[in-house]
Protein backbone atom coordinates (compact mmCIF):
# COMPACT_ATOMS: atom_id res chain seq x y z
CA MET A 1 -21.87 21.60 -17.26
CA VAL A 2 -20.06 18.37 -16.34
CA ILE A 3 -16.96 18.27 -14.13
CA ALA A 4 -15.05 14.98 -14.32
CA GLY A 5 -11.95 13.53 -12.71
CA ILE A 6 -9.64 10.58 -13.43
CA ASP A 7 -7.13 9.00 -11.04
CA GLU A 8 -5.38 5.70 -10.34
CA ALA A 9 -4.42 3.36 -7.53
CA GLY A 10 -1.76 0.69 -7.71
CA TYR A 11 0.63 2.13 -10.31
CA GLY A 12 3.73 1.38 -8.22
CA PRO A 13 3.31 -2.12 -6.70
CA VAL A 14 4.80 -5.39 -7.93
CA LEU A 15 1.72 -7.38 -6.92
CA GLY A 16 -2.00 -6.88 -7.38
CA PRO A 17 -4.12 -5.04 -9.93
CA LEU A 18 -3.89 -1.52 -11.29
CA ALA A 19 -7.14 0.44 -11.02
CA VAL A 20 -7.91 3.66 -12.91
CA ALA A 21 -11.22 5.28 -12.04
CA CYS A 22 -13.34 8.15 -13.31
CA ALA A 23 -16.10 10.20 -11.68
CA ALA A 24 -18.25 12.93 -13.22
CA PHE A 25 -20.74 15.43 -11.79
CA GLN A 26 -23.32 17.50 -13.63
CA VAL A 27 -24.23 20.94 -12.27
CA PRO A 28 -26.68 23.51 -13.69
CA ASP A 29 -23.99 26.19 -14.08
CA PRO A 30 -22.72 27.17 -17.56
CA ALA A 31 -19.07 26.35 -18.27
CA PRO A 32 -16.95 29.37 -17.19
CA ASP A 33 -14.09 30.84 -19.19
CA SER A 34 -11.65 30.39 -16.33
CA LEU A 35 -10.88 27.29 -14.26
CA ASP A 36 -10.79 29.51 -11.19
CA ALA A 37 -14.51 30.19 -11.72
CA LEU A 38 -15.52 26.51 -11.70
CA PRO A 39 -18.08 25.64 -9.00
CA CYS A 40 -16.65 23.82 -5.99
CA LEU A 41 -18.37 20.45 -5.60
CA TRP A 42 -17.32 20.20 -1.96
CA GLN A 43 -19.06 23.50 -1.29
CA ARG A 44 -22.08 22.57 -3.40
CA LEU A 45 -22.59 19.26 -1.54
CA ARG A 46 -21.42 20.50 1.85
CA ARG A 47 -24.41 19.12 3.75
CA ALA A 48 -23.54 15.58 2.70
CA VAL A 49 -19.82 15.64 1.88
CA ARG A 50 -16.68 17.01 3.53
CA PRO A 51 -13.04 17.11 2.40
CA ASN A 52 -12.10 16.34 6.01
CA ARG A 53 -13.26 13.63 8.38
CA ASP A 54 -16.63 14.50 9.92
CA ARG A 55 -16.52 13.87 13.67
CA THR A 56 -20.28 13.36 13.79
CA GLY A 57 -20.06 10.68 11.11
CA ARG A 58 -23.04 12.11 9.23
CA ARG A 59 -21.20 13.44 6.19
CA LEU A 60 -19.10 11.47 3.75
CA HIS A 61 -15.36 11.98 3.72
CA VAL A 62 -14.22 12.62 0.12
CA ASN A 63 -10.62 13.55 -0.60
CA ASP A 64 -7.39 12.07 -1.90
CA SER A 65 -7.58 8.38 -1.01
CA LYS A 66 -4.30 8.69 0.91
CA LEU A 67 -6.07 11.07 3.33
CA VAL A 68 -9.18 8.92 3.69
CA TYR A 69 -7.57 5.49 3.89
CA SER A 70 -4.51 4.12 5.63
CA PRO A 71 -3.76 0.61 6.92
CA ALA A 72 -3.98 2.01 10.45
CA ALA A 73 -7.30 3.83 9.91
CA GLY A 74 -8.77 0.91 8.01
CA LEU A 75 -11.23 0.70 5.15
CA LYS A 76 -14.35 1.96 6.92
CA GLU A 77 -14.56 5.60 5.76
CA LEU A 78 -13.28 4.85 2.27
CA GLU A 79 -15.83 2.08 1.85
CA ARG A 80 -18.78 4.10 3.11
CA SER A 81 -18.08 6.99 0.75
CA VAL A 82 -17.37 4.90 -2.35
CA LEU A 83 -20.32 2.55 -1.88
CA ALA A 84 -22.67 5.47 -1.14
CA PHE A 85 -21.74 7.17 -4.41
CA SER A 86 -21.86 3.87 -6.29
CA SER A 87 -25.34 3.22 -4.88
CA VAL A 88 -26.53 6.61 -6.12
CA VAL A 89 -25.12 6.00 -9.62
CA HIS A 90 -25.60 2.24 -10.08
CA GLY A 91 -27.92 1.09 -7.31
CA ALA A 92 -27.00 -0.98 -4.26
CA SER A 93 -24.55 -3.89 -4.67
CA PRO A 94 -25.14 -6.81 -2.30
CA THR A 95 -21.73 -8.41 -3.04
CA LEU A 96 -18.25 -7.26 -3.99
CA ASP A 97 -18.56 -9.02 -7.35
CA GLN A 98 -21.71 -7.01 -8.06
CA ALA A 99 -19.98 -3.78 -7.01
CA ILE A 100 -17.12 -4.59 -9.40
CA ALA A 101 -19.58 -5.45 -12.17
CA ALA A 102 -21.32 -2.10 -11.66
CA MET A 103 -18.22 0.07 -11.63
CA ALA A 104 -15.77 -2.01 -13.70
CA PRO A 105 -17.75 -4.47 -15.86
CA ASP A 106 -14.87 -5.06 -18.29
CA ALA A 107 -12.74 -6.50 -15.48
CA THR A 108 -14.93 -9.49 -14.66
CA ALA A 109 -13.47 -11.95 -17.18
CA GLU A 110 -9.81 -11.08 -16.54
CA LEU A 111 -10.22 -11.23 -12.77
CA ALA A 112 -11.84 -14.67 -13.11
CA ALA A 113 -8.60 -15.93 -14.73
CA HIS A 114 -6.74 -15.26 -11.45
CA PRO A 115 -7.90 -17.68 -8.72
CA TRP A 116 -6.76 -15.37 -5.91
CA TYR A 117 -9.46 -12.85 -6.86
CA ALA A 118 -12.33 -15.31 -6.42
CA PRO A 119 -14.56 -14.72 -3.36
CA GLN A 120 -14.03 -16.94 -0.33
CA PRO A 121 -17.09 -18.79 1.02
CA ASP A 122 -17.09 -16.70 4.21
CA GLU A 123 -16.58 -13.33 2.48
CA SER A 124 -18.76 -10.56 3.91
CA PHE A 125 -19.79 -7.40 2.10
CA PRO A 126 -19.54 -4.55 2.80
CA ILE A 127 -16.12 -5.35 4.19
CA ALA A 128 -15.79 -2.87 7.08
CA GLN A 129 -19.22 -1.22 7.11
CA ASN A 130 -22.71 -2.63 7.32
CA ALA A 131 -25.25 -2.42 4.53
CA ALA A 132 -27.68 -0.26 6.54
CA THR A 133 -25.04 2.42 7.17
CA VAL A 134 -24.19 2.57 3.47
CA ARG A 135 -27.87 2.74 2.55
CA ILE A 136 -28.52 5.63 4.95
CA ALA A 137 -25.47 7.51 3.62
CA ALA A 138 -26.59 6.95 0.02
CA ASN A 139 -30.10 8.22 0.77
CA ALA A 140 -28.74 11.38 2.42
CA LEU A 141 -26.36 11.94 -0.50
CA ARG A 142 -29.13 11.47 -3.04
CA ALA A 143 -31.39 13.94 -1.21
CA GLU A 144 -28.63 16.56 -1.05
CA MET A 145 -27.86 16.15 -4.74
CA ASP A 146 -31.53 16.63 -5.57
CA ARG A 147 -31.68 19.72 -3.37
CA CYS A 148 -28.73 21.47 -4.99
CA ARG A 149 -29.26 20.08 -8.51
CA CYS A 150 -25.85 18.43 -8.56
CA ALA A 151 -25.80 14.86 -9.88
CA CYS A 152 -23.07 12.24 -9.94
CA VAL A 153 -23.65 11.07 -13.50
CA HIS A 154 -20.71 8.69 -13.91
CA LEU A 155 -18.59 6.47 -11.68
CA ALA A 156 -16.50 3.82 -13.43
CA ALA A 157 -13.18 2.03 -13.21
CA ARG A 158 -10.76 0.00 -15.27
CA ILE A 159 -9.24 -2.80 -13.21
CA VAL A 160 -6.25 -4.49 -14.82
CA PRO A 161 -4.93 -7.63 -13.08
CA GLU A 162 -1.41 -8.92 -13.39
CA ARG A 163 -1.60 -11.08 -16.54
CA GLN A 164 -3.38 -8.44 -18.59
CA LEU A 165 -1.11 -5.71 -17.23
CA ASN A 166 2.03 -7.62 -18.21
CA ARG A 167 0.67 -8.08 -21.72
CA MET A 168 0.09 -4.34 -21.97
CA PHE A 169 3.62 -3.64 -20.71
CA GLU A 170 5.03 -6.01 -23.32
CA ALA A 171 2.98 -4.43 -26.13
CA THR A 172 3.97 -0.85 -25.30
CA GLY A 173 7.34 -1.27 -23.62
CA ASN A 174 6.43 1.70 -21.43
CA LYS A 175 4.67 1.70 -18.08
CA ALA A 176 3.56 5.34 -18.29
CA SER A 177 2.01 4.73 -21.72
CA VAL A 178 -0.10 1.92 -20.30
CA LEU A 179 -1.38 4.21 -17.56
CA PHE A 180 -2.19 6.94 -20.06
CA SER A 181 -4.03 4.52 -22.35
CA LEU A 182 -6.28 3.48 -19.46
CA ALA A 183 -6.98 7.11 -18.57
CA ALA A 184 -7.63 7.82 -22.26
CA GLY A 185 -10.24 5.07 -22.29
CA HIS A 186 -12.14 6.96 -19.61
CA LEU A 187 -11.63 10.20 -21.49
CA ASP A 188 -13.08 8.64 -24.63
CA THR A 189 -16.21 7.63 -22.71
CA LEU A 190 -16.53 11.14 -21.28
CA LEU A 191 -16.18 12.72 -24.74
CA ARG A 192 -18.79 10.42 -26.27
CA THR A 193 -21.23 10.99 -23.42
CA PHE A 194 -20.79 14.54 -22.15
CA ALA A 195 -18.94 16.60 -24.80
CA ASP A 196 -22.07 18.64 -25.50
CA ARG A 197 -22.52 19.63 -21.83
CA GLY A 198 -19.58 21.95 -21.20
CA LEU A 199 -17.26 19.14 -20.12
CA VAL A 200 -14.17 19.87 -18.01
CA VAL A 201 -11.89 16.95 -17.12
CA PHE A 202 -9.21 16.98 -14.44
CA CYS A 203 -6.55 14.26 -14.31
CA ASP A 204 -3.78 13.67 -11.86
CA ARG A 205 -0.35 13.73 -13.50
CA GLN A 206 0.12 10.48 -15.45
CA GLY A 207 3.30 8.72 -14.40
CA GLY A 208 5.12 12.04 -13.95
CA ARG A 209 4.47 13.11 -17.54
CA GLU A 210 4.35 16.87 -18.21
CA HIS A 211 3.38 17.08 -21.92
CA TYR A 212 0.27 15.33 -23.28
CA GLY A 213 -0.36 17.10 -26.59
CA ARG A 214 1.21 14.46 -28.84
CA LEU A 215 -0.62 11.60 -27.13
CA LEU A 216 -3.94 13.44 -27.22
CA ARG A 217 -3.53 14.09 -30.95
CA LEU A 218 -2.79 10.41 -31.57
CA MET A 219 -5.71 9.11 -29.52
CA PHE A 220 -8.30 11.72 -30.46
CA GLU A 221 -7.32 12.54 -34.04
CA ASP A 222 -10.88 13.53 -35.00
CA TRP A 223 -10.77 16.38 -32.46
CA ALA A 224 -8.86 19.64 -32.95
CA LEU A 225 -6.42 20.22 -30.08
CA ARG A 226 -5.36 23.53 -28.60
CA VAL A 227 -2.52 23.67 -26.09
CA ASP A 228 -3.19 26.37 -23.51
CA ARG A 229 -0.52 25.71 -20.89
CA GLU A 230 2.29 23.26 -20.09
CA ILE A 231 4.14 24.75 -17.12
CA ASP A 232 4.52 24.61 -13.33
CA GLY A 233 3.05 21.13 -12.90
CA THR A 234 -0.12 21.97 -14.82
CA SER A 235 -0.96 21.14 -18.44
CA GLU A 236 -4.17 22.51 -19.98
CA TYR A 237 -5.71 21.63 -23.35
CA VAL A 238 -8.93 22.18 -25.25
CA LEU A 239 -10.42 19.57 -27.59
CA GLN A 240 -12.83 21.02 -30.16
CA ARG A 241 -15.25 19.37 -32.56
CA GLY A 242 -18.69 20.08 -33.95
CA GLY A 243 -19.08 23.30 -32.01
CA HIS A 244 -18.21 21.64 -28.70
CA ALA A 245 -15.16 22.47 -26.60
CA VAL A 246 -13.84 20.16 -23.88
CA ARG A 247 -11.21 21.42 -21.45
CA LEU A 248 -8.61 18.94 -20.14
CA VAL A 249 -6.39 19.69 -17.17
CA PHE A 250 -3.50 17.50 -15.98
CA MET A 251 -2.11 18.73 -12.69
CA GLU A 252 -0.16 17.66 -9.63
CA LYS A 253 -2.32 16.95 -6.56
CA ALA A 254 -5.50 17.26 -8.60
CA GLU A 255 -7.35 15.38 -5.83
CA GLY A 256 -7.13 18.47 -3.64
CA ARG A 257 -8.41 20.78 -6.36
CA CYS A 258 -11.31 18.79 -7.81
CA MET A 259 -13.73 16.59 -5.86
CA ALA A 260 -14.37 14.45 -8.95
CA VAL A 261 -10.67 13.47 -9.00
CA ALA A 262 -10.79 12.78 -5.26
CA LEU A 263 -13.77 10.45 -5.70
CA ALA A 264 -12.03 8.71 -8.62
CA SER A 265 -8.94 8.29 -6.43
CA MET A 266 -11.07 6.73 -3.69
CA ALA A 267 -12.97 4.41 -6.03
CA ALA A 268 -9.73 3.11 -7.56
CA LYS A 269 -8.17 2.63 -4.12
CA TYR A 270 -11.24 0.89 -2.70
CA LEU A 271 -11.51 -1.60 -5.56
CA ARG A 272 -7.79 -2.40 -5.38
CA GLU A 273 -7.84 -2.80 -1.58
CA ALA A 274 -10.91 -5.06 -1.73
CA LEU A 275 -9.20 -7.27 -4.30
CA MET A 276 -5.95 -7.35 -2.31
CA ARG A 277 -7.94 -8.65 0.65
CA ARG A 278 -9.08 -11.53 -1.54
CA PHE A 279 -5.50 -11.99 -2.75
CA ASN A 280 -4.19 -12.29 0.81
CA ALA A 281 -7.06 -14.53 1.93
CA TRP A 282 -6.36 -16.96 -0.94
CA TRP A 283 -2.68 -17.22 -0.14
CA ALA A 284 -3.47 -17.65 3.57
CA LEU A 285 -5.51 -20.74 2.66
CA HIS A 286 -2.40 -22.25 1.08
CA LEU A 287 0.07 -20.87 3.62
CA PRO A 288 -1.69 -20.37 6.98
CA GLY A 289 -0.08 -17.65 9.05
CA ILE A 290 1.59 -15.83 6.16
CA ALA A 291 1.74 -12.07 6.73
CA PRO A 292 -0.47 -10.20 4.23
CA THR A 293 0.94 -7.70 1.76
CA ALA A 294 -0.24 -4.52 0.06
CA GLY A 295 1.95 -5.45 -2.91
CA TYR A 296 4.38 -2.50 -2.87
CA TYR A 297 7.98 -3.22 -3.76
CA THR A 298 9.81 -3.99 -0.51
CA ASP A 299 7.03 -5.92 1.17
CA GLY A 300 5.93 -7.39 -2.14
CA MET A 301 9.38 -8.93 -2.59
CA ARG A 302 9.22 -10.25 0.97
CA PHE A 303 5.86 -11.84 0.18
CA LEU A 304 7.15 -13.40 -3.04
CA ASN A 305 10.04 -14.92 -1.10
CA ASP A 306 7.61 -16.30 1.50
CA ILE A 307 5.39 -17.95 -1.11
CA GLN A 308 8.18 -19.12 -3.45
CA ALA A 309 8.01 -22.84 -2.64
CA LYS A 310 4.20 -22.94 -2.63
CA ARG A 311 4.04 -20.97 -5.89
CA LEU A 312 6.32 -23.52 -7.57
CA GLU A 313 4.22 -26.33 -6.15
CA LEU A 314 1.04 -24.74 -7.53
CA GLY A 315 2.67 -24.06 -10.91
CA ILE A 316 1.95 -20.33 -10.99
CA PRO A 317 4.21 -18.60 -13.55
CA ASP A 318 5.69 -15.14 -13.00
CA GLY A 319 3.57 -13.57 -15.74
CA GLU A 320 0.37 -14.51 -13.94
CA LEU A 321 1.36 -13.10 -10.55
CA VAL A 322 4.30 -10.67 -10.68
CA ARG A 323 4.32 -7.42 -12.65
CA SER A 324 7.12 -7.17 -15.16
CA ARG A 325 7.40 -3.39 -14.65
C-alpha cells in the first residue's frame, strides 16, 4: 500500500512564496479497513527516523516543521532531514537550484521572474549542514528502508511566488480555494501514479475548511465519491474507479498522526525558508544593514516600510512583491 501526505508552508505571510508539498511511502502491507490499523511509518523506520530530536544525532528528526525548525534552533535539523529524503528519492543535489528542480520542477520559470530568488555568487549549499553529513544520513536512511521494505516513492512540491500567487488570487477571489487547488494538483498526481496500490492520503486542514466533498466532485468528476465522515475536525472520503478505492483524510494536526504529512510539512518549510534567505540577501545588497524578515504580517509590513523608497527607485510594483491576500 501507499501512504501519502500533503501539507503547506507560507499560507499566512504577506511576503515570499507559498509552498505545498507531498510525500508518499510504499509499504508491503495490504490496505486495512480501518485508519487505526495503518502501519506507523515512524515505528517502521525507527532505526533511522524519530519524531523527536535524537540527542546522538544519528537519526533524522521528522515531525511537524514547527517542531523541527524555529528561527532560534536554525535550519540545521530541518535541512538534514529534507535533503536526506530528497537524496533517496531524487539523488543528491549539489545546489539549491538543483534541489528545487528535483522537488519542484514547475517552479523554476516563475522563480526566475523574481530577481530576489536568484542565487548570490557566494551562496553555499547545503545552507546549514555540510554535504558529507547529508550523504551519510541519506545512506543510513536508504539502508533502513531496504531492510524494512519501506520506500519513499514520492517527494514533490509546488512553489508559488508572489506574482503567480496574486494571479491565482485574482482568478479565484478566494485564498482557501487557491490552497486547495495546489493540494489537489498533488492529489491528482497521487491518483494517477498510485491509485492501484491501496492509496491512503492524509492532508492537513486546508485553510480551516471542514467540508471537501463538493470540491472533490468538481476536481475529480471521473471518480465516484463516498463521504464517510465530516465531524470533529476530521473529514474522510473514498474515491472509487475501475475497481480501485483511494481513501482521503483531512484532519487537524495531521503532521502528528502521519509521518508522510510531517515530511511534506518539512519539505515545504525548507524550500520556503531557503528562498526567503535569498530574498533577504538580495534586499541586503540594495539596503545594507536592513533587518531580514520571514514575511509574516507584522514584520512583513515593517520590512515593506523599510524598503519603500528603494522599491520605488527600482520600479518594483506591488503585484510582483506583495501578496494581495
